[in-house]
Full PDB file with SEQRES, HELIX, SHEET, SSBOND, CRYST1, ORIGX, SCALE, CONECT and MASTER records, all heavy atoms in Angstrom:
SEQRES   1 A   38  ASN PRO LEU LEU ARG ALA LYS ASN CYS ILE VAL THR PRO          
SEQRES   2 A   38  HIS ILE ALA TRP ALA THR LYS GLU ALA ARG THR ARG LEU          
SEQRES   3 A   38  LEU GLU ALA ALA ILE ALA ASN LEU ARG ALA PHE LEU              
HELIX    1 AA1 PRO A    2  LEU A    4  5                                   3    
HELIX    2 AA2 LYS A   20  PHE A   37  1                                  18    
CRYST1    1.000    1.000    1.000  90.00  90.00  90.00 P 1           1          
ORIGX1      1.000000  0.000000  0.000000        0.00000                         
ORIGX2      0.000000  1.000000  0.000000        0.00000                         
ORIGX3      0.000000  0.000000  1.000000        0.00000                         
SCALE1      1.000000  0.000000  0.000000        0.00000                         
SCALE2      0.000000  1.000000  0.000000        0.00000                         
SCALE3      0.000000  0.000000  1.000000        0.00000                         
ATOM      1  N   ASN A   1     -23.767  27.985  12.000  1.00  0.00           N  
ATOM      2  CA  ASN A   1     -23.950  26.721  12.767  1.00  0.00           C  
ATOM      3  C   ASN A   1     -23.725  27.015  14.193  1.00  0.00           C  
ATOM      4  O   ASN A   1     -22.638  27.569  14.599  1.00  0.00           O  
ATOM      5  CB  ASN A   1     -22.947  25.731  12.202  1.00  0.00           C  
ATOM      6  CG  ASN A   1     -23.204  24.326  12.806  1.00  0.00           C  
ATOM      7  OD1 ASN A   1     -23.071  24.131  14.088  1.00  0.00           O  
ATOM      8  ND2 ASN A   1     -23.524  23.352  12.048  1.00  0.00           N  
ATOM      9  N   PRO A   2     -24.634  26.582  15.050  1.00  0.00           N  
ATOM     10  CA  PRO A   2     -24.498  26.980  16.497  1.00  0.00           C  
ATOM     11  C   PRO A   2     -23.275  26.398  17.159  1.00  0.00           C  
ATOM     12  O   PRO A   2     -22.784  26.961  18.180  1.00  0.00           O  
ATOM     13  CB  PRO A   2     -25.809  26.477  17.126  1.00  0.00           C  
ATOM     14  CG  PRO A   2     -26.303  25.428  16.136  1.00  0.00           C  
ATOM     15  CD  PRO A   2     -25.876  25.891  14.775  1.00  0.00           C  
ATOM     16  N   LEU A   3     -22.775  25.261  16.706  1.00  0.00           N  
ATOM     17  CA  LEU A   3     -21.608  24.660  17.332  1.00  0.00           C  
ATOM     18  C   LEU A   3     -20.309  25.430  17.142  1.00  0.00           C  
ATOM     19  O   LEU A   3     -19.372  25.306  17.922  1.00  0.00           O  
ATOM     20  CB  LEU A   3     -21.460  23.205  16.901  1.00  0.00           C  
ATOM     21  CG  LEU A   3     -22.578  22.283  17.350  1.00  0.00           C  
ATOM     22  CD1 LEU A   3     -22.258  20.806  16.884  1.00  0.00           C  
ATOM     23  CD2 LEU A   3     -22.748  22.274  18.870  1.00  0.00           C  
ATOM     24  N   LEU A   4     -20.263  26.238  16.070  1.00  0.00           N  
ATOM     25  CA  LEU A   4     -19.076  27.072  15.844  1.00  0.00           C  
ATOM     26  C   LEU A   4     -18.867  28.158  16.861  1.00  0.00           C  
ATOM     27  O   LEU A   4     -17.748  28.709  16.979  1.00  0.00           O  
ATOM     28  CB  LEU A   4     -19.172  27.667  14.422  1.00  0.00           C  
ATOM     29  CG  LEU A   4     -19.227  26.684  13.211  1.00  0.00           C  
ATOM     30  CD1 LEU A   4     -19.302  27.429  11.879  1.00  0.00           C  
ATOM     31  CD2 LEU A   4     -18.084  25.737  13.243  1.00  0.00           C  
ATOM     32  N   ARG A   5     -19.945  28.472  17.629  1.00  0.00           N  
ATOM     33  CA  ARG A   5     -19.798  29.484  18.615  1.00  0.00           C  
ATOM     34  C   ARG A   5     -20.087  28.957  19.996  1.00  0.00           C  
ATOM     35  O   ARG A   5     -20.158  29.715  20.996  1.00  0.00           O  
ATOM     36  CB  ARG A   5     -20.786  30.624  18.353  1.00  0.00           C  
ATOM     37  CG  ARG A   5     -20.556  31.322  16.941  1.00  0.00           C  
ATOM     38  CD  ARG A   5     -21.592  32.435  16.743  1.00  0.00           C  
ATOM     39  NE  ARG A   5     -22.951  31.989  16.879  1.00  0.00           N  
ATOM     40  CZ  ARG A   5     -23.624  31.367  15.898  1.00  0.00           C  
ATOM     41  NH1 ARG A   5     -23.023  31.009  14.771  1.00  0.00           N  
ATOM     42  NH2 ARG A   5     -24.871  30.966  16.090  1.00  0.00           N  
ATOM     43  N   ALA A   6     -20.368  27.680  20.166  1.00  0.00           N  
ATOM     44  CA  ALA A   6     -20.711  27.109  21.491  1.00  0.00           C  
ATOM     45  C   ALA A   6     -19.542  27.106  22.430  1.00  0.00           C  
ATOM     46  O   ALA A   6     -18.388  26.947  22.018  1.00  0.00           O  
ATOM     47  CB  ALA A   6     -21.328  25.748  21.279  1.00  0.00           C  
ATOM     48  N   LYS A   7     -19.807  27.163  23.727  1.00  0.00           N  
ATOM     49  CA  LYS A   7     -18.755  27.096  24.738  1.00  0.00           C  
ATOM     50  C   LYS A   7     -18.209  25.700  24.793  1.00  0.00           C  
ATOM     51  O   LYS A   7     -18.864  24.708  24.622  1.00  0.00           O  
ATOM     52  CB  LYS A   7     -19.254  27.480  26.088  1.00  0.00           C  
ATOM     53  CG  LYS A   7     -19.717  28.911  26.273  1.00  0.00           C  
ATOM     54  CD  LYS A   7     -20.431  29.194  27.566  1.00  0.00           C  
ATOM     55  CE  LYS A   7     -19.701  28.738  28.751  1.00  0.00           C  
ATOM     56  NZ  LYS A   7     -20.419  28.984  30.036  1.00  0.00           N  
ATOM     57  N   ASN A   8     -16.835  25.612  25.081  1.00  0.00           N  
ATOM     58  CA  ASN A   8     -16.187  24.373  25.272  1.00  0.00           C  
ATOM     59  C   ASN A   8     -16.493  23.290  24.211  1.00  0.00           C  
ATOM     60  O   ASN A   8     -16.739  22.128  24.534  1.00  0.00           O  
ATOM     61  CB  ASN A   8     -16.572  23.783  26.649  1.00  0.00           C  
ATOM     62  CG  ASN A   8     -16.282  24.775  27.741  1.00  0.00           C  
ATOM     63  OD1 ASN A   8     -15.220  25.387  27.698  1.00  0.00           O  
ATOM     64  ND2 ASN A   8     -17.174  24.845  28.758  1.00  0.00           N  
ATOM     65  N   CYS A   9     -16.508  23.794  22.946  1.00  0.00           N  
ATOM     66  CA  CYS A   9     -16.791  22.916  21.831  1.00  0.00           C  
ATOM     67  C   CYS A   9     -15.610  22.917  20.841  1.00  0.00           C  
ATOM     68  O   CYS A   9     -15.321  24.036  20.272  1.00  0.00           O  
ATOM     69  CB  CYS A   9     -18.088  23.285  21.223  1.00  0.00           C  
ATOM     70  SG  CYS A   9     -18.627  22.113  19.896  1.00  0.00           S  
ATOM     71  N   ILE A  10     -15.002  21.816  20.542  1.00  0.00           N  
ATOM     72  CA  ILE A  10     -14.014  21.682  19.568  1.00  0.00           C  
ATOM     73  C   ILE A  10     -14.661  21.252  18.210  1.00  0.00           C  
ATOM     74  O   ILE A  10     -15.407  20.251  18.271  1.00  0.00           O  
ATOM     75  CB  ILE A  10     -12.978  20.643  19.930  1.00  0.00           C  
ATOM     76  CG1 ILE A  10     -12.190  21.097  21.214  1.00  0.00           C  
ATOM     77  CG2 ILE A  10     -11.885  20.422  18.818  1.00  0.00           C  
ATOM     78  CD1 ILE A  10     -11.365  20.039  21.828  1.00  0.00           C  
ATOM     79  N   VAL A  11     -14.407  21.878  17.125  1.00  0.00           N  
ATOM     80  CA  VAL A  11     -14.935  21.472  15.891  1.00  0.00           C  
ATOM     81  C   VAL A  11     -13.793  21.349  14.865  1.00  0.00           C  
ATOM     82  O   VAL A  11     -13.037  22.343  14.650  1.00  0.00           O  
ATOM     83  CB  VAL A  11     -16.004  22.495  15.285  1.00  0.00           C  
ATOM     84  CG1 VAL A  11     -16.556  22.035  14.004  1.00  0.00           C  
ATOM     85  CG2 VAL A  11     -17.094  22.717  16.317  1.00  0.00           C  
ATOM     86  N   THR A  12     -13.613  20.188  14.264  1.00  0.00           N  
ATOM     87  CA  THR A  12     -12.614  19.958  13.261  1.00  0.00           C  
ATOM     88  C   THR A  12     -13.253  19.588  11.953  1.00  0.00           C  
ATOM     89  O   THR A  12     -14.425  19.111  11.935  1.00  0.00           O  
ATOM     90  CB  THR A  12     -11.611  18.889  13.728  1.00  0.00           C  
ATOM     91  OG1 THR A  12     -12.326  17.731  14.080  1.00  0.00           O  
ATOM     92  CG2 THR A  12     -10.813  19.398  14.887  1.00  0.00           C  
ATOM     93  N   PRO A  13     -12.589  19.858  10.796  1.00  0.00           N  
ATOM     94  CA  PRO A  13     -13.228  19.797   9.477  1.00  0.00           C  
ATOM     95  C   PRO A  13     -13.247  18.393   8.834  1.00  0.00           C  
ATOM     96  O   PRO A  13     -12.745  18.240   7.732  1.00  0.00           O  
ATOM     97  CB  PRO A  13     -12.487  20.749   8.682  1.00  0.00           C  
ATOM     98  CG  PRO A  13     -11.066  20.753   9.213  1.00  0.00           C  
ATOM     99  CD  PRO A  13     -11.272  20.481  10.703  1.00  0.00           C  
ATOM    100  N   HIS A  14     -13.870  17.402   9.514  1.00  0.00           N  
ATOM    101  CA  HIS A  14     -14.039  16.065   9.052  1.00  0.00           C  
ATOM    102  C   HIS A  14     -12.763  15.493   8.526  1.00  0.00           C  
ATOM    103  O   HIS A  14     -12.588  15.051   7.376  1.00  0.00           O  
ATOM    104  CB  HIS A  14     -15.123  16.055   7.886  1.00  0.00           C  
ATOM    105  CG  HIS A  14     -15.738  14.749   7.695  1.00  0.00           C  
ATOM    106  ND1 HIS A  14     -17.022  14.603   7.312  1.00  0.00           N  
ATOM    107  CD2 HIS A  14     -15.233  13.444   7.804  1.00  0.00           C  
ATOM    108  CE1 HIS A  14     -17.404  13.330   7.233  1.00  0.00           C  
ATOM    109  NE2 HIS A  14     -16.254  12.565   7.545  1.00  0.00           N  
ATOM    110  N   ILE A  15     -11.766  15.362   9.458  1.00  0.00           N  
ATOM    111  CA  ILE A  15     -10.408  14.910   9.052  1.00  0.00           C  
ATOM    112  C   ILE A  15      -9.984  13.663   9.719  1.00  0.00           C  
ATOM    113  O   ILE A  15      -8.902  13.190   9.545  1.00  0.00           O  
ATOM    114  CB  ILE A  15      -9.321  16.035   9.286  1.00  0.00           C  
ATOM    115  CG1 ILE A  15      -9.414  16.470  10.795  1.00  0.00           C  
ATOM    116  CG2 ILE A  15      -9.511  17.189   8.361  1.00  0.00           C  
ATOM    117  CD1 ILE A  15      -8.300  17.451  11.143  1.00  0.00           C  
ATOM    118  N   ALA A  16     -10.813  13.008  10.562  1.00  0.00           N  
ATOM    119  CA  ALA A  16     -10.505  11.816  11.352  1.00  0.00           C  
ATOM    120  C   ALA A  16     -10.016  10.699  10.367  1.00  0.00           C  
ATOM    121  O   ALA A  16      -9.155   9.927  10.696  1.00  0.00           O  
ATOM    122  CB  ALA A  16     -11.587  11.328  12.199  1.00  0.00           C  
ATOM    123  N   TRP A  17     -10.569  10.692   9.151  1.00  0.00           N  
ATOM    124  CA  TRP A  17     -10.355   9.586   8.191  1.00  0.00           C  
ATOM    125  C   TRP A  17      -9.088   9.843   7.309  1.00  0.00           C  
ATOM    126  O   TRP A  17      -8.657   8.976   6.645  1.00  0.00           O  
ATOM    127  CB  TRP A  17     -11.490   9.463   7.278  1.00  0.00           C  
ATOM    128  CG  TRP A  17     -11.651  10.691   6.335  1.00  0.00           C  
ATOM    129  CD1 TRP A  17     -12.132  11.870   6.696  1.00  0.00           C  
ATOM    130  CD2 TRP A  17     -11.290  10.763   5.024  1.00  0.00           C  
ATOM    131  NE1 TRP A  17     -12.070  12.793   5.627  1.00  0.00           N  
ATOM    132  CE2 TRP A  17     -11.536  12.077   4.533  1.00  0.00           C  
ATOM    133  CE3 TRP A  17     -10.702   9.913   4.093  1.00  0.00           C  
ATOM    134  CZ2 TRP A  17     -11.282  12.546   3.298  1.00  0.00           C  
ATOM    135  CZ3 TRP A  17     -10.464  10.315   2.801  1.00  0.00           C  
ATOM    136  CH2 TRP A  17     -10.750  11.647   2.392  1.00  0.00           C  
ATOM    137  N   ALA A  18      -8.555  11.060   7.367  1.00  0.00           N  
ATOM    138  CA  ALA A  18      -7.748  11.594   6.273  1.00  0.00           C  
ATOM    139  C   ALA A  18      -6.216  11.456   6.375  1.00  0.00           C  
ATOM    140  O   ALA A  18      -5.471  12.127   5.663  1.00  0.00           O  
ATOM    141  CB  ALA A  18      -8.107  13.070   6.059  1.00  0.00           C  
ATOM    142  N   THR A  19      -5.775  10.664   7.310  1.00  0.00           N  
ATOM    143  CA  THR A  19      -4.320  10.366   7.267  1.00  0.00           C  
ATOM    144  C   THR A  19      -3.873   9.809   5.901  1.00  0.00           C  
ATOM    145  O   THR A  19      -4.705   9.138   5.249  1.00  0.00           O  
ATOM    146  CB  THR A  19      -3.868   9.388   8.400  1.00  0.00           C  
ATOM    147  OG1 THR A  19      -4.489   8.164   8.105  1.00  0.00           O  
ATOM    148  CG2 THR A  19      -4.243   9.948   9.820  1.00  0.00           C  
ATOM    149  N   LYS A  20      -2.639  10.002   5.508  1.00  0.00           N  
ATOM    150  CA  LYS A  20      -2.225   9.464   4.226  1.00  0.00           C  
ATOM    151  C   LYS A  20      -2.256   7.958   4.271  1.00  0.00           C  
ATOM    152  O   LYS A  20      -2.634   7.321   3.253  1.00  0.00           O  
ATOM    153  CB  LYS A  20      -0.790   9.978   3.973  1.00  0.00           C  
ATOM    154  CG  LYS A  20      -0.292   9.504   2.567  1.00  0.00           C  
ATOM    155  CD  LYS A  20       1.078  10.017   2.241  1.00  0.00           C  
ATOM    156  CE  LYS A  20       1.464   9.600   0.829  1.00  0.00           C  
ATOM    157  NZ  LYS A  20       2.861  10.072   0.467  1.00  0.00           N  
ATOM    158  N   GLU A  21      -1.957   7.363   5.449  1.00  0.00           N  
ATOM    159  CA  GLU A  21      -1.984   5.932   5.555  1.00  0.00           C  
ATOM    160  C   GLU A  21      -3.408   5.381   5.274  1.00  0.00           C  
ATOM    161  O   GLU A  21      -3.648   4.395   4.540  1.00  0.00           O  
ATOM    162  CB  GLU A  21      -1.598   5.481   6.849  1.00  0.00           C  
ATOM    163  CG  GLU A  21      -0.041   5.756   7.128  1.00  0.00           C  
ATOM    164  CD  GLU A  21       0.255   7.146   7.620  1.00  0.00           C  
ATOM    165  OE1 GLU A  21      -0.650   7.953   7.654  1.00  0.00           O  
ATOM    166  OE2 GLU A  21       1.432   7.398   8.031  1.00  0.00           O  
ATOM    167  N   ALA A  22      -4.463   6.067   5.909  1.00  0.00           N  
ATOM    168  CA  ALA A  22      -5.785   5.619   5.673  1.00  0.00           C  
ATOM    169  C   ALA A  22      -6.262   5.828   4.268  1.00  0.00           C  
ATOM    170  O   ALA A  22      -6.961   5.043   3.673  1.00  0.00           O  
ATOM    171  CB  ALA A  22      -6.711   6.401   6.685  1.00  0.00           C  
ATOM    172  N   ARG A  23      -5.873   6.981   3.661  1.00  0.00           N  
ATOM    173  CA  ARG A  23      -6.285   7.215   2.271  1.00  0.00           C  
ATOM    174  C   ARG A  23      -5.663   6.275   1.301  1.00  0.00           C  
ATOM    175  O   ARG A  23      -6.230   5.952   0.301  1.00  0.00           O  
ATOM    176  CB  ARG A  23      -6.001   8.730   1.897  1.00  0.00           C  
ATOM    177  CG  ARG A  23      -6.876   9.700   2.676  1.00  0.00           C  
ATOM    178  CD  ARG A  23      -6.614  11.188   2.260  1.00  0.00           C  
ATOM    179  NE  ARG A  23      -5.331  11.664   2.684  1.00  0.00           N  
ATOM    180  CZ  ARG A  23      -4.252  11.869   1.944  1.00  0.00           C  
ATOM    181  NH1 ARG A  23      -4.336  11.580   0.575  1.00  0.00           N  
ATOM    182  NH2 ARG A  23      -3.139  12.322   2.375  1.00  0.00           N  
ATOM    183  N   THR A  24      -4.444   5.863   1.614  1.00  0.00           N  
ATOM    184  CA  THR A  24      -3.778   4.871   0.780  1.00  0.00           C  
ATOM    185  C   THR A  24      -4.507   3.554   0.834  1.00  0.00           C  
ATOM    186  O   THR A  24      -4.805   2.945  -0.217  1.00  0.00           O  
ATOM    187  CB  THR A  24      -2.328   4.667   1.240  1.00  0.00           C  
ATOM    188  OG1 THR A  24      -1.583   5.896   1.087  1.00  0.00           O  
ATOM    189  CG2 THR A  24      -1.640   3.558   0.354  1.00  0.00           C  
ATOM    190  N   ARG A  25      -4.931   3.157   2.012  1.00  0.00           N  
ATOM    191  CA  ARG A  25      -5.693   1.928   2.157  1.00  0.00           C  
ATOM    192  C   ARG A  25      -7.015   2.036   1.428  1.00  0.00           C  
ATOM    193  O   ARG A  25      -7.512   1.078   0.815  1.00  0.00           O  
ATOM    194  CB  ARG A  25      -5.951   1.599   3.653  1.00  0.00           C  
ATOM    195  CG  ARG A  25      -4.748   1.018   4.380  1.00  0.00           C  
ATOM    196  CD  ARG A  25      -5.102   0.477   5.716  1.00  0.00           C  
ATOM    197  NE  ARG A  25      -5.619   1.531   6.622  1.00  0.00           N  
ATOM    198  CZ  ARG A  25      -4.822   2.195   7.457  1.00  0.00           C  
ATOM    199  NH1 ARG A  25      -3.514   1.938   7.440  1.00  0.00           N  
ATOM    200  NH2 ARG A  25      -5.334   3.094   8.292  1.00  0.00           N  
ATOM    201  N   LEU A  26      -7.650   3.284   1.502  1.00  0.00           N  
ATOM    202  CA  LEU A  26      -8.928   3.427   0.866  1.00  0.00           C  
ATOM    203  C   LEU A  26      -8.838   3.267  -0.642  1.00  0.00           C  
ATOM    204  O   LEU A  26      -9.630   2.637  -1.308  1.00  0.00           O  
ATOM    205  CB  LEU A  26      -9.416   4.866   1.243  1.00  0.00           C  
ATOM    206  CG  LEU A  26     -10.872   5.236   0.899  1.00  0.00           C  
ATOM    207  CD1 LEU A  26     -11.327   6.400   1.720  1.00  0.00           C  
ATOM    208  CD2 LEU A  26     -11.081   5.525  -0.585  1.00  0.00           C  
ATOM    209  N   LEU A  27      -7.815   3.885  -1.219  1.00  0.00           N  
ATOM    210  CA  LEU A  27      -7.655   3.777  -2.662  1.00  0.00           C  
ATOM    211  C   LEU A  27      -7.330   2.372  -3.110  1.00  0.00           C  
ATOM    212  O   LEU A  27      -7.901   1.878  -4.101  1.00  0.00           O  
ATOM    213  CB  LEU A  27      -6.473   4.756  -3.129  1.00  0.00           C  
ATOM    214  CG  LEU A  27      -6.222   4.766  -4.625  1.00  0.00           C  
ATOM    215  CD1 LEU A  27      -7.529   5.104  -5.455  1.00  0.00           C  
ATOM    216  CD2 LEU A  27      -5.156   5.796  -4.986  1.00  0.00           C  
ATOM    217  N   GLU A  28      -6.535   1.670  -2.401  1.00  0.00           N  
ATOM    218  CA  GLU A  28      -6.205   0.218  -2.701  1.00  0.00           C  
ATOM    219  C   GLU A  28      -7.480  -0.592  -2.597  1.00  0.00           C  
ATOM    220  O   GLU A  28      -7.705  -1.477  -3.379  1.00  0.00           O  
ATOM    221  CB  GLU A  28      -5.144  -0.278  -1.737  1.00  0.00           C  
ATOM    222  CG  GLU A  28      -3.782   0.353  -1.961  1.00  0.00           C  
ATOM    223  CD  GLU A  28      -3.243   0.129  -3.389  1.00  0.00           C  
ATOM    224  OE1 GLU A  28      -3.272  -1.013  -3.844  1.00  0.00           O  
ATOM    225  OE2 GLU A  28      -2.827   1.110  -4.016  1.00  0.00           O  
ATOM    226  N   ALA A  29      -8.276  -0.305  -1.548  1.00  0.00           N  
ATOM    227  CA  ALA A  29      -9.550  -1.098  -1.414  1.00  0.00           C  
ATOM    228  C   ALA A  29     -10.516  -0.761  -2.503  1.00  0.00           C  
ATOM    229  O   ALA A  29     -11.273  -1.667  -2.932  1.00  0.00           O  
ATOM    230  CB  ALA A  29     -10.129  -0.834   0.024  1.00  0.00           C  
ATOM    231  N   ALA A  30     -10.574   0.465  -2.900  1.00  0.00           N  
ATOM    232  CA  ALA A  30     -11.487   0.823  -4.011  1.00  0.00           C  
ATOM    233  C   ALA A  30     -11.096   0.071  -5.313  1.00  0.00           C  
ATOM    234  O   ALA A  30     -11.959  -0.360  -6.059  1.00  0.00           O  
ATOM    235  CB  ALA A  30     -11.453   2.346  -4.250  1.00  0.00           C  
ATOM    236  N   ILE A  31      -9.806  -0.078  -5.523  1.00  0.00           N  
ATOM    237  CA  ILE A  31      -9.328  -0.738  -6.707  1.00  0.00           C  
ATOM    238  C   ILE A  31      -9.648  -2.219  -6.621  1.00  0.00           C  
ATOM    239  O   ILE A  31     -10.102  -2.903  -7.515  1.00  0.00           O  
ATOM    240  CB  ILE A  31      -7.805  -0.554  -6.895  1.00  0.00           C  
ATOM    241  CG1 ILE A  31      -7.553   0.913  -7.263  1.00  0.00           C  
ATOM    242  CG2 ILE A  31      -7.202  -1.430  -7.952  1.00  0.00           C  
ATOM    243  CD1 ILE A  31      -6.047   1.310  -7.204  1.00  0.00           C  
ATOM    244  N   ALA A  32      -9.462  -2.808  -5.412  1.00  0.00           N  
ATOM    245  CA  ALA A  32      -9.760  -4.226  -5.159  1.00  0.00           C  
ATOM    246  C   ALA A  32     -11.275  -4.469  -5.373  1.00  0.00           C  
ATOM    247  O   ALA A  32     -11.689  -5.441  -5.922  1.00  0.00           O  
ATOM    248  CB  ALA A  32      -9.333  -4.603  -3.795  1.00  0.00           C  
ATOM    249  N   ASN A  33     -12.120  -3.615  -4.865  1.00  0.00           N  
ATOM    250  CA  ASN A  33     -13.577  -3.699  -5.017  1.00  0.00           C  
ATOM    251  C   ASN A  33     -13.897  -3.776  -6.499  1.00  0.00           C  
ATOM    252  O   ASN A  33     -14.722  -4.583  -6.971  1.00  0.00           O  
ATOM    253  CB  ASN A  33     -14.276  -2.477  -4.412  1.00  0.00           C  
ATOM    254  CG  ASN A  33     -14.426  -2.691  -2.914  1.00  0.00           C  
ATOM    255  OD1 ASN A  33     -14.140  -3.705  -2.320  1.00  0.00           O  
ATOM    256  ND2 ASN A  33     -14.951  -1.622  -2.260  1.00  0.00           N  
ATOM    257  N   LEU A  34     -13.378  -2.834  -7.305  1.00  0.00           N  
ATOM    258  CA  LEU A  34     -13.644  -2.730  -8.681  1.00  0.00           C  
ATOM    259  C   LEU A  34     -13.203  -3.993  -9.452  1.00  0.00           C  
ATOM    260  O   LEU A  34     -13.871  -4.557 -10.300  1.00  0.00           O  
ATOM    261  CB  LEU A  34     -13.069  -1.490  -9.301  1.00  0.00           C  
ATOM    262  CG  LEU A  34     -13.248  -1.261 -10.826  1.00  0.00           C  
ATOM    263  CD1 LEU A  34     -14.695  -1.395 -11.210  1.00  0.00           C  
ATOM    264  CD2 LEU A  34     -12.613   0.066 -11.236  1.00  0.00           C  
ATOM    265  N   ARG A  35     -11.929  -4.487  -9.159  1.00  0.00           N  
ATOM    266  CA  ARG A  35     -11.404  -5.649  -9.816  1.00  0.00           C  
ATOM    267  C   ARG A  35     -12.252  -6.868  -9.482  1.00  0.00           C  
ATOM    268  O   ARG A  35     -12.521  -7.708 -10.397  1.00  0.00           O  
ATOM    269  CB  ARG A  35      -9.960  -5.858  -9.425  1.00  0.00           C  
ATOM    270  CG  ARG A  35      -8.944  -4.864  -9.988  1.00  0.00           C  
ATOM    271  CD  ARG A  35      -7.569  -5.384  -9.847  1.00  0.00           C  
ATOM    272  NE  ARG A  35      -6.588  -4.458 -10.390  1.00  0.00           N  
ATOM    273  CZ  ARG A  35      -6.284  -4.375 -11.697  1.00  0.00           C  
ATOM    274  NH1 ARG A  35      -6.893  -5.252 -12.527  1.00  0.00           N  
ATOM    275  NH2 ARG A  35      -5.355  -3.498 -12.101  1.00  0.00           N  
ATOM    276  N   ALA A  36     -12.745  -6.976  -8.250  1.00  0.00           N  
ATOM    277  CA  ALA A  36     -13.572  -8.084  -7.849  1.00  0.00           C  
ATOM    278  C   ALA A  36     -14.844  -8.017  -8.687  1.00  0.00           C  
ATOM    279  O   ALA A  36     -15.428  -9.130  -9.111  1.00  0.00           O  
ATOM    280  CB  ALA A  36     -13.823  -8.073  -6.406  1.00  0.00           C  
ATOM    281  N   PHE A  37     -15.471  -6.871  -8.799  1.00  0.00           N  
ATOM    282  CA  PHE A  37     -16.657  -6.759  -9.590  1.00  0.00           C  
ATOM    283  C   PHE A  37     -16.470  -7.165 -11.015  1.00  0.00           C  
ATOM    284  O   PHE A  37     -17.245  -7.936 -11.595  1.00  0.00           O  
ATOM    285  CB  PHE A  37     -17.181  -5.287  -9.508  1.00  0.00           C  
ATOM    286  CG  PHE A  37     -18.316  -4.973 -10.442  1.00  0.00           C  
ATOM    287  CD1 PHE A  37     -19.620  -5.420 -10.195  1.00  0.00           C  
ATOM    288  CD2 PHE A  37     -18.121  -4.330 -11.657  1.00  0.00           C  
ATOM    289  CE1 PHE A  37     -20.649  -5.145 -11.061  1.00  0.00           C  
ATOM    290  CE2 PHE A  37     -19.160  -4.084 -12.507  1.00  0.00           C  
ATOM    291  CZ  PHE A  37     -20.408  -4.439 -12.215  1.00  0.00           C  
ATOM    292  N   LEU A  38     -15.368  -6.661 -11.673  1.00  0.00           N  
ATOM    293  CA  LEU A  38     -15.119  -7.016 -13.066  1.00  0.00           C  
ATOM    294  C   LEU A  38     -14.791  -8.478 -13.194  1.00  0.00           C  
ATOM    295  O   LEU A  38     -15.058  -9.086 -14.254  1.00  0.00           O  
ATOM    296  CB  LEU A  38     -13.958  -6.146 -13.528  1.00  0.00           C  
ATOM    297  CG  LEU A  38     -14.205  -4.576 -13.572  1.00  0.00           C  
ATOM    298  CD1 LEU A  38     -12.950  -3.889 -13.898  1.00  0.00           C  
ATOM    299  CD2 LEU A  38     -15.333  -4.289 -14.517  1.00  0.00           C  
TER     300      LEU A  38                                                      
MASTER        0    0    0    2    0    0    0    6  299    1    0    3          
END                                                                             
């Protein structure tokens, strides 16, 4: 991938979403979505 070698380019592995706090909210929302459907 050309960005892995580009000058002045920071590349991080898709982690902006991945704090424990955000993942906790995600799981709770997934459960709420499913319960609402049922």
